[in-house]
Amino acid sequence: MYQQYLSGLLQGDIKSLARCISLVENEAAGYESLLENLPAGNQTKVIGITGPPGAGKSTLVNALIQHLLQLQKKVAIIAVDPSSPFNFGALLGDRIRMSQHFNNPDVFIRSMASRGALGGLSPKIIEVTDLIKAAGFDYVFVETVGVGQSEVEVAGIADTTIVVVVPEAGDEIQTMKAGLMEIADIFVVNKSDRANADEFVRNLRILAHIRQHDDWEIPVIKTVATQSTGVEELTTAISAHHQQVQQHQQRHALLLAEKAWQLIQYRRMKDISKRELHQEISSLLKTSSFNLYRYIRTKS
């Protein structure tokens, strides 16, 4: 069955892409063969969009979509939403905000649950991203919900990580999460028409200069996403960083190693159920000889 889906996927058929994603998400028969037969190497740009809640990430992604469509590019968005504690599904907030693009054949939008501890990213996002790349999209945006581990874990999935922040009166750059400072390839100061924005940008540029890595000078770009201001400059910076990554094989190897580590860890752990552990331990606690570490050894 997967061969038929793969054939359609490689031709850019959206229905085949959706079927392939469902196959992989549900780990249905043949999903591993599907992934193992994906073609190697393409020029798709995978961009992580992260930052605190309220920074306007979805609005910025919307503006980027509109700009890239004008450039006749194909764009995909993976909107990472917090897992529902009831059905383990993804909330639809981000998809509702981007609903104007639903019927555009050059836009593909998918919500995915985080399903990780503290909102961490599911390794399934790596697999889905590779499926989208194989379908011939020019850009894949992975937008995090902006809380917990997902904020920084997106750097292990994306070629380019954009950290979106807003200038708030009285806020100090130093209060920004250390992890966000470390992962940023591009800083975007959204809502830059606010008061004190210029001072905020100036201070952030000083800090970004200190933290530059791999001969890459981290740009700080001012945007007003609701008006699409600064979006063209941001697109140029994304292309420049992508080119820089392509020229540094070590960075590419590190990214693949991070993906491999996440997938290997997931596959080794997926057969371990917290519910089953709870049931077993509840039974074992009826005896006075239960020892946590002896129990763990039986599971290793």
C-alpha atoms as a PDB file:
ATOM      1  CA  MET A   1       0.000   0.000   0.000  1.00  0.00           C
ATOM      2  CA  TYR A   2       2.754   2.458   0.897  1.00  0.00           C
ATOM      3  CA  GLN A   3       4.203   2.291  -2.651  1.00  0.00           C
ATOM      4  CA  GLN A   4       1.020   3.805  -4.066  1.00  0.00           C
ATOM      5  CA  TYR A   5       1.029   6.569  -1.454  1.00  0.00           C
ATOM      6  CA  LEU A   6       4.738   7.220  -2.000  1.00  0.00           C
ATOM      7  CA  SER A   7       4.249   7.565  -5.743  1.00  0.00           C
ATOM      8  CA  GLY A   8       1.549  10.186  -5.239  1.00  0.00           C
ATOM      9  CA  LEU A   9       3.604  11.933  -2.561  1.00  0.00           C
ATOM     10  CA  LEU A  10       6.610  12.351  -4.855  1.00  0.00           C
ATOM     11  CA  GLN A  11       4.321  13.868  -7.484  1.00  0.00           C
ATOM     12  CA  GLY A  12       3.213  16.500  -4.973  1.00  0.00           C
ATOM     13  CA  ASP A  13      -0.321  15.147  -4.586  1.00  0.00           C
ATOM     14  CA  ILE A  14      -1.814  16.681  -1.428  1.00  0.00           C
ATOM     15  CA  LYS A  15      -4.222  13.804  -0.766  1.00  0.00           C
ATOM     16  CA  SER A  16      -1.324  11.349  -0.939  1.00  0.00           C
ATOM     17  CA  LEU A  17       0.646  13.559   1.461  1.00  0.00           C
ATOM     18  CA  ALA A  18      -2.251  13.589   3.935  1.00  0.00           C
ATOM     19  CA  ARG A  19      -2.576   9.796   3.695  1.00  0.00           C
ATOM     20  CA  CYS A  20       1.165   9.340   4.220  1.00  0.00           C
ATOM     21  CA  ILE A  21       1.068  11.566   7.292  1.00  0.00           C
ATOM     22  CA  SER A  22      -1.849   9.592   8.744  1.00  0.00           C
ATOM     23  CA  LEU A  23       0.005   6.344   8.014  1.00  0.00           C
ATOM     24  CA  VAL A  24       3.070   7.598   9.887  1.00  0.00           C
ATOM     25  CA  GLU A  25       1.204   9.215  12.779  1.00  0.00           C
ATOM     26  CA  ASN A  26      -0.775   6.028  13.405  1.00  0.00           C
ATOM     27  CA  GLU A  27       2.259   3.801  12.761  1.00  0.00           C
ATOM     28  CA  ALA A  28       0.159   1.688  10.417  1.00  0.00           C
ATOM     29  CA  ALA A  29       1.633  -1.265   8.535  1.00  0.00           C
ATOM     30  CA  GLY A  30       4.240  -0.122   6.036  1.00  0.00           C
ATOM     31  CA  TYR A  31       4.977   3.261   7.610  1.00  0.00           C
ATOM     32  CA  GLU A  32       8.635   2.447   8.289  1.00  0.00           C
ATOM     33  CA  SER A  33       9.137   1.253   4.694  1.00  0.00           C
ATOM     34  CA  LEU A  34       7.545   4.480   3.479  1.00  0.00           C
ATOM     35  CA  LEU A  35       9.990   6.595   5.475  1.00  0.00           C
ATOM     36  CA  GLU A  36      12.982   4.465   4.472  1.00  0.00           C
ATOM     37  CA  ASN A  37      12.183   4.991   0.782  1.00  0.00           C
ATOM     38  CA  LEU A  38      11.980   8.781   0.877  1.00  0.00           C
ATOM     39  CA  PRO A  39      14.483  10.410  -1.501  1.00  0.00           C
ATOM     40  CA  ALA A  40      17.605  11.914   0.048  1.00  0.00           C
ATOM     41  CA  GLY A  41      18.466  15.577  -0.184  1.00  0.00           C
ATOM     42  CA  ASN A  42      16.428  18.533  -1.369  1.00  0.00           C
ATOM     43  CA  GLN A  43      16.436  22.299  -0.988  1.00  0.00           C
ATOM     44  CA  THR A  44      13.331  22.613   1.191  1.00  0.00           C
ATOM     45  CA  LYS A  45      13.852  25.192   3.938  1.00  0.00           C
ATOM     46  CA  VAL A  46      12.644  23.973   7.342  1.00  0.00           C
ATOM     47  CA  ILE A  47      12.088  26.944   9.635  1.00  0.00           C
ATOM     48  CA  GLY A  48      11.221  26.821  13.317  1.00  0.00           C
ATOM     49  CA  ILE A  49       9.150  29.700  14.681  1.00  0.00           C
ATOM     50  CA  THR A  50       9.279  30.007  18.448  1.00  0.00           C
ATOM     51  CA  GLY A  51       9.007  32.588  21.181  1.00  0.00           C
ATOM     52  CA  PRO A  52       6.760  33.476  24.114  1.00  0.00           C
ATOM     53  CA  PRO A  53       2.947  33.451  23.898  1.00  0.00           C
ATOM     54  CA  GLY A  54       1.505  36.703  22.608  1.00  0.00           C
ATOM     55  CA  ALA A  55       4.487  37.537  20.406  1.00  0.00           C
ATOM     56  CA  GLY A  56       2.372  37.247  17.255  1.00  0.00           C
ATOM     57  CA  LYS A  57       3.948  34.090  15.847  1.00  0.00           C
ATOM     58  CA  SER A  58       0.835  32.946  13.969  1.00  0.00           C
ATOM     59  CA  THR A  59       0.270  36.415  12.529  1.00  0.00           C
ATOM     60  CA  LEU A  60       3.889  36.502  11.388  1.00  0.00           C
ATOM     61  CA  VAL A  61       3.590  33.063   9.763  1.00  0.00           C
ATOM     62  CA  ASN A  62       0.433  34.266   8.020  1.00  0.00           C
ATOM     63  CA  ALA A  63       2.308  37.271   6.623  1.00  0.00           C
ATOM     64  CA  LEU A  64       5.181  35.027   5.501  1.00  0.00           C
ATOM     65  CA  ILE A  65       2.748  32.708   3.714  1.00  0.00           C
ATOM     66  CA  GLN A  66       1.203  35.608   1.813  1.00  0.00           C
ATOM     67  CA  HIS A  67       4.612  36.967   0.799  1.00  0.00           C
ATOM     68  CA  LEU A  68       5.956  33.584  -0.308  1.00  0.00           C
ATOM     69  CA  LEU A  69       2.823  32.845  -2.326  1.00  0.00           C
ATOM     70  CA  GLN A  70       3.457  36.076  -4.214  1.00  0.00           C
ATOM     71  CA  LEU A  71       6.898  34.652  -5.019  1.00  0.00           C
ATOM     72  CA  GLN A  72       5.143  31.502  -6.326  1.00  0.00           C
ATOM     73  CA  LYS A  73       6.492  29.280  -3.554  1.00  0.00           C
ATOM     74  CA  LYS A  74       4.819  26.236  -1.990  1.00  0.00           C
ATOM     75  CA  VAL A  75       4.490  26.573   1.773  1.00  0.00           C
ATOM     76  CA  ALA A  76       3.644  24.076   4.524  1.00  0.00           C
ATOM     77  CA  ILE A  77       2.923  24.824   8.162  1.00  0.00           C
ATOM     78  CA  ILE A  78       3.070  22.423  11.080  1.00  0.00           C
ATOM     79  CA  ALA A  79       1.272  24.124  13.968  1.00  0.00           C
ATOM     80  CA  VAL A  80       2.344  22.452  17.196  1.00  0.00           C
ATOM     81  CA  ASP A  81      -0.449  22.646  19.764  1.00  0.00           C
ATOM     82  CA  PRO A  82      -0.464  21.386  23.350  1.00  0.00           C
ATOM     83  CA  SER A  83      -1.752  17.852  23.701  1.00  0.00           C
ATOM     84  CA  SER A  84      -5.284  17.430  24.904  1.00  0.00           C
ATOM     85  CA  PRO A  85      -5.248  15.494  28.204  1.00  0.00           C
ATOM     86  CA  PHE A  86      -8.494  13.824  27.132  1.00  0.00           C
ATOM     87  CA  ASN A  87      -7.984  12.596  23.574  1.00  0.00           C
ATOM     88  CA  PHE A  88      -4.279  13.268  22.920  1.00  0.00           C
ATOM     89  CA  GLY A  89      -5.240  15.324  19.872  1.00  0.00           C
ATOM     90  CA  ALA A  90      -4.096  18.751  18.739  1.00  0.00           C
ATOM     91  CA  LEU A  91      -6.085  21.906  19.334  1.00  0.00           C
ATOM     92  CA  LEU A  92      -7.131  23.841  16.259  1.00  0.00           C
ATOM     93  CA  GLY A  93      -6.367  27.424  17.288  1.00  0.00           C
ATOM     94  CA  ASP A  94      -3.514  28.035  14.875  1.00  0.00           C
ATOM     95  CA  ARG A  95      -5.317  26.381  11.984  1.00  0.00           C
ATOM     96  CA  ILE A  96      -8.360  28.625  12.506  1.00  0.00           C
ATOM     97  CA  ARG A  97      -6.135  31.707  12.327  1.00  0.00           C
ATOM     98  CA  MET A  98      -4.706  30.506   9.010  1.00  0.00           C
ATOM     99  CA  SER A  99      -8.044  29.397   7.559  1.00  0.00           C
ATOM    100  CA  GLN A 100      -7.876  31.858   4.654  1.00  0.00           C
ATOM    101  CA  HIS A 101      -5.226  29.607   3.073  1.00  0.00           C
ATOM    102  CA  PHE A 102      -7.063  26.276   3.434  1.00  0.00           C
ATOM    103  CA  ASN A 103      -8.190  26.077  -0.175  1.00  0.00           C
ATOM    104  CA  ASN A 104      -4.902  27.208  -1.707  1.00  0.00           C
ATOM    105  CA  PRO A 105      -3.210  24.227  -3.431  1.00  0.00           C
ATOM    106  CA  ASP A 106       0.216  25.724  -2.680  1.00  0.00           C
ATOM    107  CA  VAL A 107      -0.391  25.775   1.082  1.00  0.00           C
ATOM    108  CA  PHE A 108      -0.543  22.763   3.403  1.00  0.00           C
ATOM    109  CA  ILE A 109      -1.450  23.228   7.070  1.00  0.00           C
ATOM    110  CA  ARG A 110      -1.313  20.512   9.711  1.00  0.00           C
ATOM    111  CA  SER A 111      -1.840  20.744  13.469  1.00  0.00           C
ATOM    112  CA  MET A 112       0.116  18.276  15.556  1.00  0.00           C
ATOM    113  CA  ALA A 113       0.025  17.590  19.260  1.00  0.00           C
ATOM    114  CA  SER A 114       3.204  18.164  21.227  1.00  0.00           C
ATOM    115  CA  ARG A 115       2.737  14.919  23.231  1.00  0.00           C
ATOM    116  CA  GLY A 116       5.993  15.461  25.067  1.00  0.00           C
ATOM    117  CA  ALA A 117       6.847  16.231  28.650  1.00  0.00           C
ATOM    118  CA  LEU A 118       6.247  19.910  29.462  1.00  0.00           C
ATOM    119  CA  GLY A 119       5.049  20.532  25.930  1.00  0.00           C
ATOM    120  CA  GLY A 120       8.108  19.077  24.262  1.00  0.00           C
ATOM    121  CA  LEU A 121       7.967  18.311  20.558  1.00  0.00           C
ATOM    122  CA  SER A 122       6.851  14.888  19.400  1.00  0.00           C
ATOM    123  CA  PRO A 123       9.458  13.025  17.310  1.00  0.00           C
ATOM    124  CA  LYS A 124       6.607  12.419  14.847  1.00  0.00           C
ATOM    125  CA  ILE A 125       7.104  16.018  13.727  1.00  0.00           C
ATOM    126  CA  ILE A 126      10.509  15.021  12.317  1.00  0.00           C
ATOM    127  CA  GLU A 127       8.914  12.278  10.235  1.00  0.00           C
ATOM    128  CA  VAL A 128       6.043  14.478   9.037  1.00  0.00           C
ATOM    129  CA  THR A 129       8.484  17.225   8.075  1.00  0.00           C
ATOM    130  CA  ASP A 130      10.410  14.766   5.909  1.00  0.00           C
ATOM    131  CA  LEU A 131       7.186  13.692   4.193  1.00  0.00           C
ATOM    132  CA  ILE A 132       6.339  17.310   3.404  1.00  0.00           C
ATOM    133  CA  LYS A 133       9.830  17.891   2.036  1.00  0.00           C
ATOM    134  CA  ALA A 134       9.444  14.872  -0.255  1.00  0.00           C
ATOM    135  CA  ALA A 135       6.181  16.351  -1.587  1.00  0.00           C
ATOM    136  CA  GLY A 136       8.118  19.247  -3.097  1.00  0.00           C
ATOM    137  CA  PHE A 137       7.331  22.161  -0.797  1.00  0.00           C
ATOM    138  CA  ASP A 138       9.760  25.073  -0.812  1.00  0.00           C
ATOM    139  CA  TYR A 139       9.245  26.057   2.837  1.00  0.00           C
ATOM    140  CA  VAL A 140       8.109  24.177   5.935  1.00  0.00           C
ATOM    141  CA  PHE A 141       7.326  26.297   8.991  1.00  0.00           C
ATOM    142  CA  VAL A 142       7.136  24.563  12.373  1.00  0.00           C
ATOM    143  CA  GLU A 143       5.387  26.917  14.780  1.00  0.00           C
ATOM    144  CA  THR A 144       5.527  26.062  18.488  1.00  0.00           C
ATOM    145  CA  VAL A 145       2.905  26.986  21.040  1.00  0.00           C
ATOM    146  CA  GLY A 146       5.501  29.000  22.955  1.00  0.00           C
ATOM    147  CA  VAL A 147       5.544  27.219  26.304  1.00  0.00           C
ATOM    148  CA  GLY A 148       7.657  24.530  27.929  1.00  0.00           C
ATOM    149  CA  GLN A 149      10.334  22.531  26.156  1.00  0.00           C
ATOM    150  CA  SER A 150       8.879  23.022  22.675  1.00  0.00           C
ATOM    151  CA  GLU A 151      10.303  26.552  22.640  1.00  0.00           C
ATOM    152  CA  VAL A 152      13.885  25.312  22.477  1.00  0.00           C
ATOM    153  CA  GLU A 153      13.422  21.792  21.076  1.00  0.00           C
ATOM    154  CA  VAL A 154      12.370  23.208  17.706  1.00  0.00           C
ATOM    155  CA  ALA A 155      16.057  23.962  17.054  1.00  0.00           C
ATOM    156  CA  GLY A 156      16.651  20.205  16.828  1.00  0.00           C
ATOM    157  CA  ILE A 157      14.205  19.956  13.930  1.00  0.00           C
ATOM    158  CA  ALA A 158      14.674  23.162  11.938  1.00  0.00           C
ATOM    159  CA  ASP A 159      17.465  24.275   9.615  1.00  0.00           C
ATOM    160  CA  THR A 160      16.756  27.853  10.703  1.00  0.00           C
ATOM    161  CA  THR A 161      15.267  28.860  14.053  1.00  0.00           C
ATOM    162  CA  ILE A 162      13.473  32.199  14.328  1.00  0.00           C
ATOM    163  CA  VAL A 163      12.824  33.547  17.818  1.00  0.00           C
ATOM    164  CA  VAL A 164       9.953  36.047  17.860  1.00  0.00           C
ATOM    165  CA  VAL A 165       9.815  38.561  20.705  1.00  0.00           C
ATOM    166  CA  VAL A 166       7.998  41.829  21.357  1.00  0.00           C
ATOM    167  CA  PRO A 167       9.284  45.069  22.889  1.00  0.00           C
ATOM    168  CA  GLU A 168       7.639  45.626  26.235  1.00  0.00           C
ATOM    169  CA  ALA A 169       8.188  48.812  28.198  1.00  0.00           C
ATOM    170  CA  GLY A 170      10.558  48.192  31.088  1.00  0.00           C
ATOM    171  CA  ASP A 171      11.500  44.683  29.976  1.00  0.00           C
ATOM    172  CA  GLU A 172      15.180  43.846  30.013  1.00  0.00           C
ATOM    173  CA  ILE A 173      16.788  41.643  27.378  1.00  0.00           C
ATOM    174  CA  GLN A 174      18.463  39.689  30.177  1.00  0.00           C
ATOM    175  CA  THR A 175      15.076  38.368  31.334  1.00  0.00           C
ATOM    176  CA  MET A 176      14.672  36.430  28.096  1.00  0.00           C
ATOM    177  CA  LYS A 177      14.952  32.677  28.537  1.00  0.00           C
ATOM    178  CA  ALA A 178      18.576  31.633  28.197  1.00  0.00           C
ATOM    179  CA  GLY A 179      17.577  28.734  25.958  1.00  0.00           C
ATOM    180  CA  LEU A 180      15.945  31.052  23.445  1.00  0.00           C
ATOM    181  CA  MET A 181      19.083  33.158  23.242  1.00  0.00           C
ATOM    182  CA  GLU A 182      21.143  30.060  22.495  1.00  0.00           C
ATOM    183  CA  ILE A 183      18.999  28.651  19.684  1.00  0.00           C
ATOM    184  CA  ALA A 184      18.194  31.794  17.694  1.00  0.00           C
ATOM    185  CA  ASP A 185      19.505  31.987  14.134  1.00  0.00           C
ATOM    186  CA  ILE A 186      17.312  35.024  13.493  1.00  0.00           C
ATOM    187  CA  PHE A 187      15.606  37.327  15.984  1.00  0.00           C
ATOM    188  CA  VAL A 188      12.339  38.988  15.023  1.00  0.00           C
ATOM    189  CA  VAL A 189      11.088  41.905  17.092  1.00  0.00           C
ATOM    190  CA  ASN A 190       7.410  41.873  16.181  1.00  0.00           C
ATOM    191  CA  LYS A 191       4.977  44.702  16.986  1.00  0.00           C
ATOM    192  CA  SER A 192       7.955  46.996  16.507  1.00  0.00           C
ATOM    193  CA  ASP A 193       5.689  50.031  16.171  1.00  0.00           C
ATOM    194  CA  ARG A 194       5.326  49.997  19.950  1.00  0.00           C
ATOM    195  CA  ALA A 195       6.999  52.504  22.225  1.00  0.00           C
ATOM    196  CA  ASN A 196      10.609  51.727  23.211  1.00  0.00           C
ATOM    197  CA  ALA A 197      10.974  49.300  20.298  1.00  0.00           C
ATOM    198  CA  ASP A 198      14.111  50.942  18.915  1.00  0.00           C
ATOM    199  CA  GLU A 199      15.916  50.734  22.253  1.00  0.00           C
ATOM    200  CA  PHE A 200      14.865  47.096  22.651  1.00  0.00           C
ATOM    201  CA  VAL A 201      16.155  46.273  19.154  1.00  0.00           C
ATOM    202  CA  ARG A 202      19.433  48.080  19.786  1.00  0.00           C
ATOM    203  CA  ASN A 203      20.084  46.136  23.003  1.00  0.00           C
ATOM    204  CA  LEU A 204      19.115  42.845  21.381  1.00  0.00           C
ATOM    205  CA  ARG A 205      21.502  43.467  18.475  1.00  0.00           C
ATOM    206  CA  ILE A 206      24.362  43.999  20.923  1.00  0.00           C
ATOM    207  CA  LEU A 207      23.587  40.710  22.650  1.00  0.00           C
ATOM    208  CA  ALA A 208      23.080  38.878  19.342  1.00  0.00           C
ATOM    209  CA  HIS A 209      26.484  40.081  18.145  1.00  0.00           C
ATOM    210  CA  ILE A 210      28.126  38.633  21.260  1.00  0.00           C
ATOM    211  CA  ARG A 211      26.385  35.284  20.735  1.00  0.00           C
ATOM    212  CA  GLN A 212      27.028  34.837  17.010  1.00  0.00           C
ATOM    213  CA  HIS A 213      27.971  31.293  15.985  1.00  0.00           C
ATOM    214  CA  ASP A 214      29.361  29.452  12.965  1.00  0.00           C
ATOM    215  CA  ASP A 215      30.474  32.740  11.396  1.00  0.00           C
ATOM    216  CA  TRP A 216      26.810  33.748  11.260  1.00  0.00           C
ATOM    217  CA  GLU A 217      25.952  37.242  12.459  1.00  0.00           C
ATOM    218  CA  ILE A 218      22.514  36.783  14.019  1.00  0.00           C
ATOM    219  CA  PRO A 219      20.214  39.391  12.454  1.00  0.00           C
ATOM    220  CA  VAL A 220      17.583  41.252  14.463  1.00  0.00           C
ATOM    221  CA  ILE A 221      14.669  42.161  12.217  1.00  0.00           C
ATOM    222  CA  LYS A 222      11.845  44.553  13.059  1.00  0.00           C
ATOM    223  CA  THR A 223       8.383  43.509  11.895  1.00  0.00           C
ATOM    224  CA  VAL A 224       4.782  44.577  12.221  1.00  0.00           C
ATOM    225  CA  ALA A 225       3.179  41.330  11.102  1.00  0.00           C
ATOM    226  CA  THR A 226      -0.357  42.734  10.927  1.00  0.00           C
ATOM    227  CA  GLN A 227       0.881  45.109   8.205  1.00  0.00           C
ATOM    228  CA  SER A 228       3.451  42.694   6.664  1.00  0.00           C
ATOM    229  CA  THR A 229       6.165  45.224   7.513  1.00  0.00           C
ATOM    230  CA  GLY A 230       9.637  43.651   7.550  1.00  0.00           C
ATOM    231  CA  VAL A 231       8.477  40.336   6.074  1.00  0.00           C
ATOM    232  CA  GLU A 232      10.496  40.731   2.870  1.00  0.00           C
ATOM    233  CA  GLU A 233      13.653  41.440   4.892  1.00  0.00           C
ATOM    234  CA  LEU A 234      12.939  38.374   7.038  1.00  0.00           C
ATOM    235  CA  THR A 235      12.542  36.173   3.945  1.00  0.00           C
ATOM    236  CA  THR A 236      15.915  37.392   2.670  1.00  0.00           C
ATOM    237  CA  ALA A 237      17.527  36.548   6.033  1.00  0.00           C
ATOM    238  CA  ILE A 238      16.002  33.049   5.955  1.00  0.00           C
ATOM    239  CA  SER A 239      17.490  32.399   2.502  1.00  0.00           C
ATOM    240  CA  ALA A 240      20.884  33.741   3.583  1.00  0.00           C
ATOM    241  CA  HIS A 241      20.967  31.488   6.639  1.00  0.00           C
ATOM    242  CA  HIS A 242      19.864  28.458   4.618  1.00  0.00           C
ATOM    243  CA  GLN A 243      22.744  29.054   2.221  1.00  0.00           C
ATOM    244  CA  GLN A 244      25.150  29.362   5.149  1.00  0.00           C
ATOM    245  CA  VAL A 245      23.931  26.054   6.623  1.00  0.00           C
ATOM    246  CA  GLN A 246      24.409  24.310   3.270  1.00  0.00           C
ATOM    247  CA  GLN A 247      28.036  25.447   3.245  1.00  0.00           C
ATOM    248  CA  HIS A 248      28.734  24.088   6.750  1.00  0.00           C
ATOM    249  CA  GLN A 249      28.428  20.300   6.633  1.00  0.00           C
ATOM    250  CA  GLN A 250      29.233  20.025  10.343  1.00  0.00           C
ATOM    251  CA  ARG A 251      26.071  21.962  11.226  1.00  0.00           C
ATOM    252  CA  HIS A 252      24.042  19.718   8.922  1.00  0.00           C
ATOM    253  CA  ALA A 253      25.569  16.582  10.490  1.00  0.00           C
ATOM    254  CA  LEU A 254      24.784  17.860  13.995  1.00  0.00           C
ATOM    255  CA  LEU A 255      21.169  18.490  13.022  1.00  0.00           C
ATOM    256  CA  LEU A 256      20.796  14.978  11.589  1.00  0.00           C
ATOM    257  CA  ALA A 257      22.429  13.493  14.694  1.00  0.00           C
ATOM    258  CA  GLU A 258      19.911  15.337  16.886  1.00  0.00           C
ATOM    259  CA  LYS A 259      17.035  13.989  14.789  1.00  0.00           C
ATOM    260  CA  ALA A 260      18.465  10.458  14.919  1.00  0.00           C
ATOM    261  CA  TRP A 261      18.831  10.657  18.711  1.00  0.00           C
ATOM    262  CA  GLN A 262      15.215  11.779  19.156  1.00  0.00           C
ATOM    263  CA  LEU A 263      13.836   9.057  16.874  1.00  0.00           C
ATOM    264  CA  ILE A 264      15.946   6.278  18.410  1.00  0.00           C
ATOM    265  CA  GLN A 265      14.905   7.360  21.901  1.00  0.00           C
ATOM    266  CA  TYR A 266      11.236   7.441  20.861  1.00  0.00           C
ATOM    267  CA  ARG A 267      11.317   3.996  19.249  1.00  0.00           C
ATOM    268  CA  ARG A 268      12.986   2.433  22.285  1.00  0.00           C
ATOM    269  CA  MET A 269      10.474   3.988  24.659  1.00  0.00           C
ATOM    270  CA  LYS A 270       7.219   3.676  22.718  1.00  0.00           C
ATOM    271  CA  ASP A 271       6.402   0.188  24.054  1.00  0.00           C
ATOM    272  CA  ILE A 272       6.591   1.399  27.647  1.00  0.00           C
ATOM    273  CA  SER A 273       3.175   2.447  28.943  1.00  0.00           C
ATOM    274  CA  LYS A 274       2.821   4.601  32.052  1.00  0.00           C
ATOM    275  CA  ARG A 275      -0.611   3.098  32.598  1.00  0.00           C
ATOM    276  CA  GLU A 276       0.805  -0.443  32.594  1.00  0.00           C
ATOM    277  CA  LEU A 277       3.656   0.606  34.883  1.00  0.00           C
ATOM    278  CA  HIS A 278       1.121   2.067  37.276  1.00  0.00           C
ATOM    279  CA  GLN A 279      -0.955  -1.122  37.294  1.00  0.00           C
ATOM    280  CA  GLU A 280       2.081  -3.367  37.826  1.00  0.00           C
ATOM    281  CA  ILE A 281       3.501  -1.243  40.615  1.00  0.00           C
ATOM    282  CA  SER A 282       0.092  -1.007  42.308  1.00  0.00           C
ATOM    283  CA  SER A 283       0.015  -4.816  42.457  1.00  0.00           C
ATOM    284  CA  LEU A 284       3.632  -5.130  43.574  1.00  0.00           C
ATOM    285  CA  LEU A 285       3.122  -2.613  46.372  1.00  0.00           C
ATOM    286  CA  LYS A 286       0.846  -5.129  48.058  1.00  0.00           C
ATOM    287  CA  THR A 287       4.036  -6.944  49.028  1.00  0.00           C
ATOM    288  CA  SER A 288       6.480  -5.413  51.465  1.00  0.00           C
ATOM    289  CA  SER A 289       9.529  -6.320  49.371  1.00  0.00           C
ATOM    290  CA  PHE A 290       8.993  -3.882  46.479  1.00  0.00           C
ATOM    291  CA  ASN A 291      12.175  -2.093  45.447  1.00  0.00           C
ATOM    292  CA  LEU A 292      11.999   0.532  42.712  1.00  0.00           C
ATOM    293  CA  TYR A 293      15.487  -0.145  41.383  1.00  0.00           C
ATOM    294  CA  ARG A 294      15.095  -3.918  41.192  1.00  0.00           C
ATOM    295  CA  TYR A 295      11.843  -3.301  39.336  1.00  0.00           C
ATOM    296  CA  ILE A 296      13.526  -0.932  36.876  1.00  0.00           C
ATOM    297  CA  ARG A 297      16.203  -3.553  36.148  1.00  0.00           C
ATOM    298  CA  THR A 298      13.492  -5.996  35.025  1.00  0.00           C
ATOM    299  CA  LYS A 299      12.379  -3.410  32.472  1.00  0.00           C
ATOM    300  CA  SER A 300      15.821  -2.524  31.124  1.00  0.00           C
END
